[in-house]
N, C-alpha and C. Protein backbone atom coordinates (compact mmCIF):
# COMPACT_ATOMS: atom_id res chain seq x y z
N MET A 1 5.75 76.39 128.92
CA MET A 1 4.75 75.76 128.38
C MET A 1 4.35 76.00 127.13
N PHE A 2 3.96 77.22 126.68
CA PHE A 2 3.41 77.29 125.07
C PHE A 2 4.81 77.11 124.17
N ALA A 3 5.71 76.83 124.51
CA ALA A 3 7.04 76.53 123.70
C ALA A 3 7.08 75.29 123.11
N LYS A 4 6.97 74.38 124.10
CA LYS A 4 6.96 73.01 124.21
C LYS A 4 5.59 72.99 123.70
N LYS A 5 4.51 73.09 123.56
CA LYS A 5 3.54 73.03 123.05
C LYS A 5 3.26 73.23 121.23
N LEU A 6 4.23 74.40 121.08
CA LEU A 6 4.75 74.37 119.81
C LEU A 6 5.63 73.59 119.11
N ASN A 7 6.63 73.29 119.99
CA ASN A 7 7.42 72.18 119.48
C ASN A 7 6.75 70.90 119.03
N ASP A 8 5.79 70.50 119.84
CA ASP A 8 5.08 69.17 119.47
C ASP A 8 4.61 69.51 118.12
N LEU A 9 3.97 70.34 118.36
CA LEU A 9 2.60 70.39 117.15
C LEU A 9 3.85 70.97 115.86
N THR A 10 4.80 71.56 115.98
CA THR A 10 5.94 71.41 114.80
C THR A 10 6.40 69.86 114.37
N GLU A 11 6.23 69.23 115.45
CA GLU A 11 7.19 67.77 115.17
C GLU A 11 6.00 66.82 114.76
N ARG A 12 4.54 67.20 114.84
CA ARG A 12 3.53 66.46 114.42
C ARG A 12 3.50 66.57 112.88
N LYS A 13 3.55 68.23 112.35
CA LYS A 13 3.46 68.42 111.64
C LYS A 13 4.39 67.88 110.62
N TRP A 14 5.82 67.96 111.14
CA TRP A 14 6.92 67.20 109.94
C TRP A 14 6.47 65.70 109.93
N LEU A 15 5.91 65.27 110.87
CA LEU A 15 5.82 63.42 110.57
C LEU A 15 4.78 63.49 109.44
N ILE A 16 3.85 64.22 110.28
CA ILE A 16 2.74 64.15 108.74
C ILE A 16 3.31 64.63 107.55
N VAL A 17 3.99 65.39 107.18
CA VAL A 17 4.55 65.43 106.17
C VAL A 17 5.11 64.37 105.70
N LEU A 18 6.62 63.72 106.48
CA LEU A 18 7.17 62.48 105.96
C LEU A 18 5.65 61.49 105.25
N GLU A 19 5.18 61.53 106.45
CA GLU A 19 4.17 60.11 106.14
C GLU A 19 3.60 60.23 104.67
N ALA A 20 3.23 61.72 104.60
CA ALA A 20 2.66 61.90 103.23
C ALA A 20 3.60 61.40 102.01
N ASP A 21 4.67 62.39 102.19
CA ASP A 21 5.99 61.85 101.41
C ASP A 21 5.95 60.33 100.69
N LEU A 22 5.54 59.50 102.13
CA LEU A 22 6.08 58.40 101.73
C LEU A 22 5.23 57.65 100.96
N HIS A 23 3.84 57.89 101.32
CA HIS A 23 2.63 57.38 100.81
C HIS A 23 2.57 57.82 99.34
N ARG A 24 2.88 58.84 99.01
CA ARG A 24 3.25 59.70 97.56
C ARG A 24 4.26 58.56 96.60
N SER A 25 5.01 58.21 97.39
CA SER A 25 6.25 57.46 96.89
C SER A 25 5.51 56.15 96.31
N LEU A 26 5.08 55.59 97.78
CA LEU A 26 4.45 54.05 97.07
C LEU A 26 3.38 54.15 96.24
N VAL A 27 2.67 55.16 96.26
CA VAL A 27 1.67 55.06 95.08
C VAL A 27 1.99 55.01 93.76
N GLN A 28 3.34 55.67 93.77
CA GLN A 28 4.19 56.24 92.65
C GLN A 28 4.75 54.65 92.07
N LEU A 29 5.40 53.71 93.16
CA LEU A 29 5.94 52.87 92.62
C LEU A 29 4.94 51.73 92.16
N GLU A 30 3.60 51.33 92.75
CA GLU A 30 2.61 51.04 92.63
C GLU A 30 2.08 51.46 91.45
N CYS A 31 2.03 52.66 90.74
CA CYS A 31 1.66 52.87 89.72
C CYS A 31 2.15 52.35 88.37
N ALA A 32 3.81 52.58 88.73
CA ALA A 32 4.80 51.77 88.15
C ALA A 32 4.63 50.38 87.83
N ASN A 33 4.69 49.93 89.08
CA ASN A 33 4.65 48.35 88.83
C ASN A 33 3.26 47.43 88.15
N LEU A 34 1.97 48.39 88.45
CA LEU A 34 1.07 48.10 87.55
C LEU A 34 1.35 48.49 85.95
N ARG A 35 2.07 49.68 85.25
CA ARG A 35 1.86 50.16 84.09
C ARG A 35 3.20 48.58 83.39
N ALA A 36 3.96 48.67 84.35
CA ALA A 36 4.83 47.27 83.95
C ALA A 36 4.17 45.91 83.22
N ARG A 37 3.13 46.37 84.06
CA ARG A 37 2.11 44.34 84.54
C ARG A 37 1.23 44.92 83.16
N LEU A 38 0.75 45.94 82.75
CA LEU A 38 -0.19 46.01 81.78
C LEU A 38 0.96 45.99 80.62
N ASP A 39 1.95 46.57 80.28
CA ASP A 39 2.85 46.42 79.03
C ASP A 39 2.63 44.98 78.86
N SER A 40 3.06 44.32 80.19
CA SER A 40 3.34 42.49 79.29
C SER A 40 2.38 42.10 79.19
N ALA A 41 1.54 42.55 80.16
CA ALA A 41 0.15 41.91 79.83
C ALA A 41 -0.45 42.08 77.94
N HIS A 42 -0.14 43.47 77.48
CA HIS A 42 -0.37 43.53 76.29
C HIS A 42 0.34 43.14 75.12
N ALA A 43 1.72 42.90 75.56
CA ALA A 43 2.54 42.11 74.57
C ALA A 43 1.81 40.71 74.82
N ALA A 44 1.63 39.99 75.91
CA ALA A 44 1.34 38.98 75.79
C ALA A 44 -0.53 38.55 75.27
N ILE A 45 -1.12 39.66 74.95
CA ILE A 45 -1.92 39.42 73.85
C ILE A 45 -1.74 39.62 72.32
N ARG A 46 -1.12 40.51 72.27
CA ARG A 46 -0.42 40.91 71.28
C ARG A 46 0.06 39.57 70.29
N SER A 47 0.72 39.28 71.18
CA SER A 47 1.70 37.95 70.48
C SER A 47 0.59 36.59 70.45
N GLY A 48 -0.54 36.77 71.33
CA GLY A 48 -1.83 35.53 71.35
C GLY A 48 -2.26 35.44 69.63
N GLY A 49 -2.24 36.24 69.11
CA GLY A 49 -3.25 36.28 67.69
C GLY A 49 -4.18 36.57 67.86
N PRO A 50 -5.22 35.88 66.53
CA PRO A 50 -6.59 36.45 66.89
C PRO A 50 -7.55 35.69 67.62
N TRP A 51 -6.76 34.63 68.03
CA TRP A 51 -7.65 33.67 68.99
C TRP A 51 -8.01 34.68 69.98
N LEU A 52 -7.09 34.62 70.49
CA LEU A 52 -6.96 35.29 71.95
C LEU A 52 -7.98 36.56 72.08
N LEU A 53 -7.84 37.05 71.13
CA LEU A 53 -8.74 38.65 71.01
C LEU A 53 -10.16 38.26 70.67
N ALA A 54 -10.38 36.90 70.27
CA ALA A 54 -11.72 36.65 69.68
C ALA A 54 -12.46 36.16 70.93
N GLY A 55 -11.46 35.58 71.65
CA GLY A 55 -11.68 34.76 72.81
C GLY A 55 -12.55 35.78 74.04
N GLY A 56 -11.57 36.95 74.02
CA GLY A 56 -11.66 37.90 75.12
C GLY A 56 -12.86 38.75 74.76
N ALA A 57 -12.84 38.86 73.80
CA ALA A 57 -14.90 39.61 73.24
C ALA A 57 -15.31 38.64 73.85
N VAL A 58 -15.64 37.51 73.73
CA VAL A 58 -16.87 36.25 73.76
C VAL A 58 -17.01 36.40 75.12
N ALA A 59 -15.83 36.32 76.14
CA ALA A 59 -15.68 36.33 77.35
C ALA A 59 -16.85 38.10 77.82
N GLY A 60 -16.05 38.67 77.39
CA GLY A 60 -16.49 40.00 77.61
C GLY A 60 -18.13 40.45 77.55
N LEU A 61 -18.81 39.96 76.31
CA LEU A 61 -19.81 39.72 76.02
C LEU A 61 -20.82 38.71 76.99
N VAL A 62 -20.48 37.85 77.61
CA VAL A 62 -20.92 37.06 78.52
C VAL A 62 -20.42 37.74 79.83
N ALA A 63 -19.89 38.15 80.20
CA ALA A 63 -19.57 38.67 81.45
C ALA A 63 -20.79 39.93 81.08
N ALA A 64 -21.01 40.51 80.70
CA ALA A 64 -21.61 41.75 80.45
C ALA A 64 -23.40 41.19 80.43
N ARG A 65 -23.28 40.11 79.85
CA ARG A 65 -24.65 39.88 79.70
C ARG A 65 -25.34 38.84 81.43
N HIS A 66 -24.38 38.18 81.78
CA HIS A 66 -24.70 37.63 82.92
C HIS A 66 -23.41 37.88 84.31
N TRP A 67 -23.61 39.17 84.32
CA TRP A 67 -22.57 39.75 84.93
C TRP A 67 -22.76 39.33 86.86
N ARG A 68 -24.06 39.53 87.03
CA ARG A 68 -24.20 38.76 88.67
C ARG A 68 -23.85 37.34 88.71
N GLY A 69 -24.24 36.26 88.10
CA GLY A 69 -24.22 35.29 88.41
C GLY A 69 -22.66 34.92 88.51
N LEU A 70 -21.68 36.07 87.23
CA LEU A 70 -20.29 35.83 87.41
C LEU A 70 -19.74 36.28 88.68
N ALA A 71 -20.43 37.56 89.05
CA ALA A 71 -19.47 37.92 90.14
C ALA A 71 -19.32 37.12 91.85
N ARG A 72 -20.50 36.16 91.55
CA ARG A 72 -20.14 34.91 92.79
C ARG A 72 -18.84 34.64 92.55
N TRP A 73 -18.29 34.29 91.19
CA TRP A 73 -16.87 33.35 91.20
C TRP A 73 -15.65 34.05 91.29
N VAL A 74 -15.81 35.72 91.61
CA VAL A 74 -14.85 36.24 91.18
C VAL A 74 -14.16 36.06 92.46
N PRO A 75 -14.28 36.03 93.73
CA PRO A 75 -13.33 35.26 94.50
C PRO A 75 -12.63 34.31 94.52
N THR A 76 -13.07 32.84 94.01
CA THR A 76 -12.78 32.06 93.84
C THR A 76 -11.48 31.84 92.35
N ALA A 77 -11.81 33.13 91.28
CA ALA A 77 -11.01 32.95 90.13
C ALA A 77 -10.05 33.89 90.74
N LEU A 78 -10.10 34.77 91.44
CA LEU A 78 -8.91 35.49 92.27
C LEU A 78 -7.82 34.68 92.98
N THR A 79 -8.55 33.66 94.05
CA THR A 79 -7.96 32.61 94.89
C THR A 79 -6.80 31.65 93.45
N ALA A 80 -7.96 30.83 92.83
CA ALA A 80 -7.01 30.33 91.71
C ALA A 80 -6.02 31.10 90.94
N TRP A 81 -6.10 32.26 90.41
CA TRP A 81 -5.05 32.75 89.68
C TRP A 81 -3.75 33.07 90.68
N ARG A 82 -3.95 33.45 92.09
CA ARG A 82 -2.84 33.56 92.62
C ARG A 82 -2.18 32.31 92.91
N TRP A 83 -2.80 31.26 92.80
CA TRP A 83 -2.56 29.79 93.29
C TRP A 83 -1.32 29.78 92.24
N VAL A 84 -1.96 29.94 91.09
CA VAL A 84 -1.52 29.51 89.58
C VAL A 84 -0.37 30.15 89.58
N GLN A 85 -0.14 31.76 89.67
CA GLN A 85 1.11 32.37 89.81
C GLN A 85 1.70 32.19 90.98
N GLY A 86 1.63 31.78 91.98
CA GLY A 86 2.52 30.84 93.10
C GLY A 86 3.22 29.54 92.66
N LEU A 87 2.94 28.58 91.79
CA LEU A 87 3.51 27.73 91.02
C LEU A 87 4.30 28.20 89.99
N LYS A 88 4.48 29.10 89.46
CA LYS A 88 5.77 29.79 88.55
C LYS A 88 7.01 30.06 89.28
């Protein structure tokens, strides 16, 4: 009886270790994906010229000043962004 319980605990421990490895791999994959997206966004910003940088600075100032009002529009903006990305 004790040996069976010990085997069950060993199996559960092994499954937890495997699950942790799986989650660790998923986090690494997501980090690599995010890094690739940030690199492509950085390249797009650099190729956009000074107008894009100036517009980003102005948008940042407006967002900092009116962040509560803009926070209501975040779900709508995300939905619109996903829709536009789906068209490509």
